[in-house]
PDB file of N, CA and C in Angstrom:
ATOM      1  N   MET A   1      84.508 101.428 110.216  1.00  0.00           N
ATOM      2  CA  MET A   1      83.905 100.877 108.925  1.00  0.00           C
ATOM      3  C   MET A   1      84.383 101.770 107.925  1.00  0.00           C
ATOM      4  N   LYS A   2      84.753 101.240 106.852  1.00  0.00           N
ATOM      5  CA  LYS A   2      85.160 101.937 105.736  1.00  0.00           C
ATOM      6  C   LYS A   2      84.463 101.594 104.422  1.00  0.00           C
ATOM      7  N   ALA A   3      84.311 102.423 103.464  1.00  0.00           N
ATOM      8  CA  ALA A   3      83.635 102.122 102.142  1.00  0.00           C
ATOM      9  C   ALA A   3      84.141 102.661 100.888  1.00  0.00           C
ATOM     10  N   PHE A   4      84.067 101.985  99.916  1.00  0.00           N
ATOM     11  CA  PHE A   4      84.607 102.659  98.505  1.00  0.00           C
ATOM     12  C   PHE A   4      83.268 103.111  97.683  1.00  0.00           C
ATOM     13  N   ILE A   5      83.619 104.432  97.198  1.00  0.00           N
ATOM     14  CA  ILE A   5      82.346 104.845  96.433  1.00  0.00           C
ATOM     15  C   ILE A   5      83.175 105.026  94.921  1.00  0.00           C
ATOM     16  N   SER A   6      82.275 104.862  93.905  1.00  0.00           N
ATOM     17  CA  SER A   6      82.707 104.913  92.662  1.00  0.00           C
ATOM     18  C   SER A   6      81.859 106.008  92.047  1.00  0.00           C
ATOM     19  N   VAL A   7      82.349 106.715  91.091  1.00  0.00           N
ATOM     20  CA  VAL A   7      81.685 107.566  90.364  1.00  0.00           C
ATOM     21  C   VAL A   7      81.905 107.749  89.032  1.00  0.00           C
ATOM     22  N   ILE A   8      80.988 107.311  87.896  1.00  0.00           N
ATOM     23  CA  ILE A   8      81.315 107.278  86.797  1.00  0.00           C
ATOM     24  C   ILE A   8      80.315 108.097  85.692  1.00  0.00           C
ATOM     25  N   GLY A   9      80.735 108.802  84.777  1.00  0.00           N
ATOM     26  CA  GLY A   9      79.765 109.543  83.922  1.00  0.00           C
ATOM     27  C   GLY A   9      80.369 110.434  82.935  1.00  0.00           C
ATOM     28  N   ASP A  10      79.574 111.266  82.167  1.00  0.00           N
ATOM     29  CA  ASP A  10      80.088 112.393  81.416  1.00  0.00           C
ATOM     30  C   ASP A  10      80.672 113.461  82.297  1.00  0.00           C
ATOM     31  N   ASP A  11      81.851 114.079  81.895  1.00  0.00           N
ATOM     32  CA  ASP A  11      82.414 115.065  82.837  1.00  0.00           C
ATOM     33  C   ASP A  11      81.551 116.392  82.725  1.00  0.00           C
ATOM     34  N   LYS A  12      81.350 116.891  83.883  1.00  0.00           N
ATOM     35  CA  LYS A  12      80.419 118.286  83.924  1.00  0.00           C
ATOM     36  C   LYS A  12      80.848 118.647  85.344  1.00  0.00           C
ATOM     37  N   ILE A  13      80.587 120.212  85.419  1.00  0.00           N
ATOM     38  CA  ILE A  13      80.718 120.830  86.719  1.00  0.00           C
ATOM     39  C   ILE A  13      79.882 120.423  87.739  1.00  0.00           C
ATOM     40  N   GLY A  14      80.270 120.268  89.028  1.00  0.00           N
ATOM     41  CA  GLY A  14      79.578 119.763  90.155  1.00  0.00           C
ATOM     42  C   GLY A  14      79.477 118.527  90.620  1.00  0.00           C
ATOM     43  N   ILE A  15      80.223 117.603  90.046  1.00  0.00           N
ATOM     44  CA  ILE A  15      80.060 116.065  90.264  1.00  0.00           C
ATOM     45  C   ILE A  15      80.697 115.882  91.754  1.00  0.00           C
ATOM     46  N   ILE A  16      81.850 116.410  91.865  1.00  0.00           N
ATOM     47  CA  ILE A  16      82.502 116.246  93.405  1.00  0.00           C
ATOM     48  C   ILE A  16      81.591 116.843  94.356  1.00  0.00           C
ATOM     49  N   HIS A  17      81.140 118.035  94.057  1.00  0.00           N
ATOM     50  CA  HIS A  17      80.064 118.818  95.115  1.00  0.00           C
ATOM     51  C   HIS A  17      78.883 117.926  95.319  1.00  0.00           C
ATOM     52  N   GLY A  18      78.450 117.333  94.244  1.00  0.00           N
ATOM     53  CA  GLY A  18      77.181 116.551  94.528  1.00  0.00           C
ATOM     54  C   GLY A  18      77.421 115.480  95.567  1.00  0.00           C
ATOM     55  N   VAL A  19      78.581 114.732  95.270  1.00  0.00           N
ATOM     56  CA  VAL A  19      78.718 113.567  96.070  1.00  0.00           C
ATOM     57  C   VAL A  19      79.091 114.108  97.479  1.00  0.00           C
ATOM     58  N   THR A  20      79.957 115.041  97.653  1.00  0.00           N
ATOM     59  CA  THR A  20      80.552 115.209  98.921  1.00  0.00           C
ATOM     60  C   THR A  20      79.479 115.967  99.760  1.00  0.00           C
ATOM     61  N   THR A  21      78.418 116.726  99.216  1.00  0.00           N
ATOM     62  CA  THR A  21      77.408 117.195  99.898  1.00  0.00           C
ATOM     63  C   THR A  21      76.367 116.173 100.545  1.00  0.00           C
ATOM     64  N   VAL A  22      76.256 114.923  99.853  1.00  0.00           N
ATOM     65  CA  VAL A  22      75.525 113.985 100.557  1.00  0.00           C
ATOM     66  C   VAL A  22      76.390 113.293 101.708  1.00  0.00           C
ATOM     67  N   LEU A  23      77.601 113.047 101.446  1.00  0.00           N
ATOM     68  CA  LEU A  23      78.502 112.690 102.686  1.00  0.00           C
ATOM     69  C   LEU A  23      78.691 113.639 103.681  1.00  0.00           C
ATOM     70  N   LYS A  24      78.662 114.847 103.542  1.00  0.00           N
ATOM     71  CA  LYS A  24      78.774 115.838 104.602  1.00  0.00           C
ATOM     72  C   LYS A  24      77.613 115.838 105.506  1.00  0.00           C
ATOM     73  N   LYS A  25      76.376 115.702 104.756  1.00  0.00           N
ATOM     74  CA  LYS A  25      75.094 115.780 105.407  1.00  0.00           C
ATOM     75  C   LYS A  25      74.945 114.661 106.397  1.00  0.00           C
ATOM     76  N   HIS A  26      75.635 113.590 106.260  1.00  0.00           N
ATOM     77  CA  HIS A  26      75.590 112.504 107.071  1.00  0.00           C
ATOM     78  C   HIS A  26      76.787 112.077 107.711  1.00  0.00           C
ATOM     79  N   SER A  27      77.732 113.036 107.878  1.00  0.00           N
ATOM     80  CA  SER A  27      78.870 112.809 108.595  1.00  0.00           C
ATOM     81  C   SER A  27      79.761 111.796 108.252  1.00  0.00           C
ATOM     82  N   VAL A  28      80.025 111.372 106.708  1.00  0.00           N
ATOM     83  CA  VAL A  28      80.783 110.350 106.246  1.00  0.00           C
ATOM     84  C   VAL A  28      82.198 111.369 105.852  1.00  0.00           C
ATOM     85  N   ASN A  29      83.193 110.834 106.391  1.00  0.00           N
ATOM     86  CA  ASN A  29      84.400 111.564 106.223  1.00  0.00           C
ATOM     87  C   ASN A  29      85.220 110.914 105.101  1.00  0.00           C
ATOM     88  N   VAL A  30      85.700 111.723 104.067  1.00  0.00           N
ATOM     89  CA  VAL A  30      86.493 111.300 102.832  1.00  0.00           C
ATOM     90  C   VAL A  30      87.765 111.086 103.282  1.00  0.00           C
ATOM     91  N   LEU A  31      88.505 109.820 103.240  1.00  0.00           N
ATOM     92  CA  LEU A  31      89.788 109.530 103.485  1.00  0.00           C
ATOM     93  C   LEU A  31      90.776 109.682 102.566  1.00  0.00           C
ATOM     94  N   ASP A  32      90.269 109.291 101.313  1.00  0.00           N
ATOM     95  CA  ASP A  32      91.025 109.437 100.125  1.00  0.00           C
ATOM     96  C   ASP A  32      90.173 109.623  98.992  1.00  0.00           C
ATOM     97  N   ILE A  33      90.846 110.187  97.760  1.00  0.00           N
ATOM     98  CA  ILE A  33      89.981 110.416  96.576  1.00  0.00           C
ATOM     99  C   ILE A  33      90.937 110.294  95.382  1.00  0.00           C
ATOM    100  N   ASN A  34      90.681 109.683  94.379  1.00  0.00           N
ATOM    101  CA  ASN A  34      91.267 109.650  93.155  1.00  0.00           C
ATOM    102  C   ASN A  34      90.322 109.991  91.995  1.00  0.00           C
ATOM    103  N   GLN A  35      90.529 110.759  91.134  1.00  0.00           N
ATOM    104  CA  GLN A  35      89.772 111.088  89.997  1.00  0.00           C
ATOM    105  C   GLN A  35      90.672 111.135  88.847  1.00  0.00           C
ATOM    106  N   THR A  36      89.820 110.960  87.565  1.00  0.00           N
ATOM    107  CA  THR A  36      90.569 111.120  86.313  1.00  0.00           C
ATOM    108  C   THR A  36      89.435 111.382  85.332  1.00  0.00           C
ATOM    109  N   LEU A  37      90.086 111.959  84.255  1.00  0.00           N
ATOM    110  CA  LEU A  37      89.143 112.105  82.860  1.00  0.00           C
ATOM    111  C   LEU A  37      89.852 110.923  81.898  1.00  0.00           C
ATOM    112  N   LEU A  38      88.805 110.075  81.417  1.00  0.00           N
ATOM    113  CA  LEU A  38      89.125 109.335  80.393  1.00  0.00           C
ATOM    114  C   LEU A  38      88.419 109.778  79.284  1.00  0.00           C
ATOM    115  N   GLN A  39      89.070 110.429  78.334  1.00  0.00           N
ATOM    116  CA  GLN A  39      88.631 111.169  77.226  1.00  0.00           C
ATOM    117  C   GLN A  39      87.556 112.192  77.805  1.00  0.00           C
ATOM    118  N   GLU A  40      86.269 112.109  77.375  1.00  0.00           N
ATOM    119  CA  GLU A  40      85.298 112.989  77.906  1.00  0.00           C
ATOM    120  C   GLU A  40      84.499 112.318  79.209  1.00  0.00           C
ATOM    121  N   TYR A  41      85.009 111.319  79.750  1.00  0.00           N
ATOM    122  CA  TYR A  41      84.253 110.671  80.902  1.00  0.00           C
ATOM    123  C   TYR A  41      85.111 110.894  82.257  1.00  0.00           C
ATOM    124  N   PHE A  42      84.179 111.065  83.252  1.00  0.00           N
ATOM    125  CA  PHE A  42      84.760 111.409  84.658  1.00  0.00           C
ATOM    126  C   PHE A  42      84.719 109.933  85.352  1.00  0.00           C
ATOM    127  N   ALA A  43      85.757 109.676  86.051  1.00  0.00           N
ATOM    128  CA  ALA A  43      85.973 108.511  86.929  1.00  0.00           C
ATOM    129  C   ALA A  43      86.529 108.935  88.049  1.00  0.00           C
ATOM    130  N   MET A  44      85.847 108.498  89.251  1.00  0.00           N
ATOM    131  CA  MET A  44      86.304 108.641  90.616  1.00  0.00           C
ATOM    132  C   MET A  44      86.182 107.610  91.540  1.00  0.00           C
ATOM    133  N   VAL A  45      87.164 107.472  92.511  1.00  0.00           N
ATOM    134  CA  VAL A  45      87.057 106.364  93.557  1.00  0.00           C
ATOM    135  C   VAL A  45      87.377 107.129  94.821  1.00  0.00           C
ATOM    136  N   MET A  46      86.451 106.918  95.679  1.00  0.00           N
ATOM    137  CA  MET A  46      86.804 107.649  97.001  1.00  0.00           C
ATOM    138  C   MET A  46      86.862 106.380  98.085  1.00  0.00           C
ATOM    139  N   LEU A  47      87.727 106.606  99.182  1.00  0.00           N
ATOM    140  CA  LEU A  47      87.555 105.944 100.266  1.00  0.00           C
ATOM    141  C   LEU A  47      87.121 106.815 101.398  1.00  0.00           C
ATOM    142  N   VAL A  48      85.809 106.114 101.932  1.00  0.00           N
ATOM    143  CA  VAL A  48      85.287 107.035 103.117  1.00  0.00           C
ATOM    144  C   VAL A  48      85.325 106.138 104.461  1.00  0.00           C
ATOM    145  N   ASP A  49      85.163 106.841 105.488  1.00  0.00           N
ATOM    146  CA  ASP A  49      85.106 106.427 107.046  1.00  0.00           C
ATOM    147  C   ASP A  49      83.519 106.671 107.090  1.00  0.00           C
ATOM    148  N   LEU A  50      83.037 105.471 107.602  1.00  0.00           N
ATOM    149  CA  LEU A  50      81.640 105.481 108.000  1.00  0.00           C
ATOM    150  C   LEU A  50      81.297 105.511 109.420  1.00  0.00           C
ATOM    151  N   GLU A  51      82.267 105.546 110.310  1.00  0.00           N
ATOM    152  CA  GLU A  51      82.317 105.287 111.585  1.00  0.00           C
ATOM    153  C   GLU A  51      81.200 106.326 112.309  1.00  0.00           C
ATOM    154  N   LYS A  52      81.188 107.672 111.950  1.00  0.00           N
ATOM    155  CA  LYS A  52      80.329 108.596 112.459  1.00  0.00           C
ATOM    156  C   LYS A  52      79.060 109.023 111.573  1.00  0.00           C
ATOM    157  N   MET A  53      78.702 107.868 110.701  1.00  0.00           N
ATOM    158  CA  MET A  53      77.632 108.006 109.849  1.00  0.00           C
ATOM    159  C   MET A  53      76.158 108.292 110.522  1.00  0.00           C
ATOM    160  N   SER A  54      75.451 109.190 110.248  1.00  0.00           N
ATOM    161  CA  SER A  54      74.219 109.500 110.876  1.00  0.00           C
ATOM    162  C   SER A  54      72.983 108.793 110.452  1.00  0.00           C
ATOM    163  N   ILE A  55      73.164 107.949 109.285  1.00  0.00           N
ATOM    164  CA  ILE A  55      71.989 107.218 108.946  1.00  0.00           C
ATOM    165  C   ILE A  55      72.603 105.721 108.422  1.00  0.00           C
ATOM    166  N   ASP A  56      71.840 104.889 108.090  1.00  0.00           N
ATOM    167  CA  ASP A  56      72.308 103.371 108.006  1.00  0.00           C
ATOM    168  C   ASP A  56      72.723 103.280 106.490  1.00  0.00           C
ATOM    169  N   PHE A  57      73.464 102.231 106.170  1.00  0.00           N
ATOM    170  CA  PHE A  57      74.084 102.099 105.071  1.00  0.00           C
ATOM    171  C   PHE A  57      73.221 102.128 103.744  1.00  0.00           C
ATOM    172  N   LYS A  58      72.110 101.484 103.708  1.00  0.00           N
ATOM    173  CA  LYS A  58      71.277 101.078 102.793  1.00  0.00           C
ATOM    174  C   LYS A  58      70.486 102.560 102.573  1.00  0.00           C
ATOM    175  N   GLN A  59      70.249 103.539 103.376  1.00  0.00           N
ATOM    176  CA  GLN A  59      69.764 104.841 103.082  1.00  0.00           C
ATOM    177  C   GLN A  59      70.981 105.803 102.498  1.00  0.00           C
ATOM    178  N   LEU A  60      72.144 105.647 103.123  1.00  0.00           N
ATOM    179  CA  LEU A  60      73.286 106.282 102.277  1.00  0.00           C
ATOM    180  C   LEU A  60      73.347 105.949 100.841  1.00  0.00           C
ATOM    181  N   LYS A  61      73.210 104.664 100.638  1.00  0.00           N
ATOM    182  CA  LYS A  61      73.268 103.933  99.378  1.00  0.00           C
ATOM    183  C   LYS A  61      72.245 104.613  98.297  1.00  0.00           C
ATOM    184  N   GLU A  62      71.110 104.833  98.802  1.00  0.00           N
ATOM    185  CA  GLU A  62      69.986 105.237  98.142  1.00  0.00           C
ATOM    186  C   GLU A  62      70.027 106.621  97.750  1.00  0.00           C
ATOM    187  N   GLU A  63      70.564 107.389  98.880  1.00  0.00           N
ATOM    188  CA  GLU A  63      70.713 108.838  98.433  1.00  0.00           C
ATOM    189  C   GLU A  63      71.771 109.140  97.512  1.00  0.00           C
ATOM    190  N   LEU A  64      72.956 108.308  97.566  1.00  0.00           N
ATOM    191  CA  LEU A  64      73.874 108.384  96.566  1.00  0.00           C
ATOM    192  C   LEU A  64      73.469 108.375  95.179  1.00  0.00           C
ATOM    193  N   ALA A  65      72.860 107.156  95.168  1.00  0.00           N
ATOM    194  CA  ALA A  65      72.199 106.927  93.762  1.00  0.00           C
ATOM    195  C   ALA A  65      71.387 108.013  93.255  1.00  0.00           C
ATOM    196  N   THR A  66      70.482 108.504  94.137  1.00  0.00           N
ATOM    197  CA  THR A  66      69.433 109.842  93.784  1.00  0.00           C
ATOM    198  C   THR A  66      70.278 110.724  93.264  1.00  0.00           C
ATOM    199  N   ALA A  67      71.264 111.235  94.028  1.00  0.00           N
ATOM    200  CA  ALA A  67      72.305 112.259  93.685  1.00  0.00           C
ATOM    201  C   ALA A  67      72.678 112.050  92.313  1.00  0.00           C
ATOM    202  N   GLY A  68      73.121 110.799  92.199  1.00  0.00           N
ATOM    203  CA  GLY A  68      73.734 110.531  90.887  1.00  0.00           C
ATOM    204  C   GLY A  68      72.981 110.585  89.830  1.00  0.00           C
ATOM    205  N   GLU A  69      71.567 110.412  89.806  1.00  0.00           N
ATOM    206  CA  GLU A  69      70.564 110.405  88.827  1.00  0.00           C
ATOM    207  C   GLU A  69      70.467 111.918  88.754  1.00  0.00           C
ATOM    208  N   GLU A  70      70.380 112.800  89.707  1.00  0.00           N
ATOM    209  CA  GLU A  70      70.223 114.306  89.470  1.00  0.00           C
ATOM    210  C   GLU A  70      71.531 114.932  88.677  1.00  0.00           C
ATOM    211  N   ILE A  71      72.632 114.306  88.892  1.00  0.00           N
ATOM    212  CA  ILE A  71      73.753 114.922  88.291  1.00  0.00           C
ATOM    213  C   ILE A  71      73.982 114.408  87.039  1.00  0.00           C
ATOM    214  N   GLY A  72      73.670 113.204  86.802  1.00  0.00           N
ATOM    215  CA  GLY A  72      73.855 112.465  85.459  1.00  0.00           C
ATOM    216  C   GLY A  72      74.970 111.564  85.549  1.00  0.00           C
ATOM    217  N   VAL A  73      75.400 110.893  86.640  1.00  0.00           N
ATOM    218  CA  VAL A  73      76.473 109.965  86.798  1.00  0.00           C
ATOM    219  C   VAL A  73      75.867 108.918  87.511  1.00  0.00           C
ATOM    220  N   SER A  74      76.799 107.691  87.583  1.00  0.00           N
ATOM    221  CA  SER A  74      76.661 106.601  88.216  1.00  0.00           C
ATOM    222  C   SER A  74      77.233 106.648  89.554  1.00  0.00           C
ATOM    223  N   ILE A  75      76.769 106.372  90.683  1.00  0.00           N
ATOM    224  CA  ILE A  75      77.243 106.477  92.129  1.00  0.00           C
ATOM    225  C   ILE A  75      77.211 105.169  92.656  1.00  0.00           C
ATOM    226  N   LYS A  76      78.140 104.507  93.116  1.00  0.00           N
ATOM    227  CA  LYS A  76      77.938 103.113  93.703  1.00  0.00           C
ATOM    228  C   LYS A  76      78.857 103.125  95.152  1.00  0.00           C
ATOM    229  N   ILE A  77      78.354 102.426  96.045  1.00  0.00           N
ATOM    230  CA  ILE A  77      79.098 102.435  97.369  1.00  0.00           C
ATOM    231  C   ILE A  77      79.134 101.022  97.760  1.00  0.00           C
ATOM    232  N   GLN A  78      80.407 100.623  98.149  1.00  0.00           N
ATOM    233  CA  GLN A  78      80.590  99.128  98.640  1.00  0.00           C
ATOM    234  C   GLN A  78      81.345  99.212 100.077  1.00  0.00           C
ATOM    235  N   HIS A  79      80.944  98.288 101.165  1.00  0.00           N
ATOM    236  CA  HIS A  79      81.716  98.112 102.143  1.00  0.00           C
ATOM    237  C   HIS A  79      83.162  97.816 101.771  1.00  0.00           C
ATOM    238  N   GLU A  80      84.191  98.336 102.535  1.00  0.00           N
ATOM    239  CA  GLU A  80      85.592  98.000 102.293  1.00  0.00           C
ATOM    240  C   GLU A  80      85.997  96.549 102.197  1.00  0.00           C
ATOM    241  N   ASP A  81      85.163  95.738 103.087  1.00  0.00           N
ATOM    242  CA  ASP A  81      85.520  94.168 103.321  1.00  0.00           C
ATOM    243  C   ASP A  81      84.997  93.529 102.166  1.00  0.00           C
ATOM    244  N   LEU A  82      83.688  94.024 101.552  1.00  0.00           N
ATOM    245  CA  LEU A  82      83.141  93.152 100.296  1.00  0.00           C
ATOM    246  C   LEU A  82      84.192  93.615  99.188  1.00  0.00           C
ATOM    247  N   PHE A  83      84.528  94.928  99.194  1.00  0.00           N
ATOM    248  CA  PHE A  83      85.429  95.187  97.988  1.00  0.00           C
ATOM    249  C   PHE A  83      86.691  94.414  97.946  1.00  0.00           C
ATOM    250  N   SER A  84      87.268  94.244  99.252  1.00  0.00           N
ATOM    251  CA  SER A  84      88.564  93.517  99.267  1.00  0.00           C
ATOM    252  C   SER A  84      88.401  91.997  98.945  1.00  0.00           C
ATOM    253  N   THR A  85      87.399  91.645  99.466  1.00  0.00           N
ATOM    254  CA  THR A  85      87.109  90.201  99.219  1.00  0.00           C
ATOM    255  C   THR A  85      86.907  89.862  97.620  1.00  0.00           C
ATOM    256  N   MET A  86      86.065  90.684  96.955  1.00  0.00           N
ATOM    257  CA  MET A  86      85.834  90.574  95.618  1.00  0.00           C
ATOM    258  C   MET A  86      87.293  90.602  94.940  1.00  0.00           C
ATOM    259  N   HIS A  87      88.048  91.599  95.297  1.00  0.00           N
ATOM    260  CA  HIS A  87      89.308  91.729  94.546  1.00  0.00           C
ATOM    261  C   HIS A  87      90.510  90.704  94.821  1.00  0.00           C
ATOM    262  N   SER A  88      90.300  89.983  95.808  1.00  0.00           N
ATOM    263  CA  SER A  88      91.357  89.149  96.411  1.00  0.00           C
ATOM    264  C   SER A  88      91.101  87.591  95.792  1.00  0.00           C
ATOM    265  N   ILE A  89      90.017  87.503  95.077  1.00  0.00           N
ATOM    266  CA  ILE A  89      89.785  86.168  94.686  1.00  0.00           C
ATOM    267  C   ILE A  89      90.444  85.857  93.295  1.00  0.00           C
TER     268      ILE A  89
END
C-alpha cells in the first residue's frame, strides 16, 4: 500500500526532518520525493510505502498533522488509490 504526503508552508529549516522523523518512527519508507520553493513558500510531495507501517493509517495521519502544527506547515496524507481516483476524473 502506498500513499502521497503533501507539505506546504513557509520555508524554514527542519521541515523535511520533521516529516521524515515521524515516518521513520513508524517504519514508513520514502519511495520518491519532490520539493520546491515557490517564492518564500515550501512545497513538497512524497510517495511513501506503508507496507511495513507499525501503526494504523488514521494514527499516522494524526501524527503527521501534529508534526505539521509544531513545524508550522500543513501536512496531508492520502492513500495512493484515492489520490489516483481523484485525479483521473
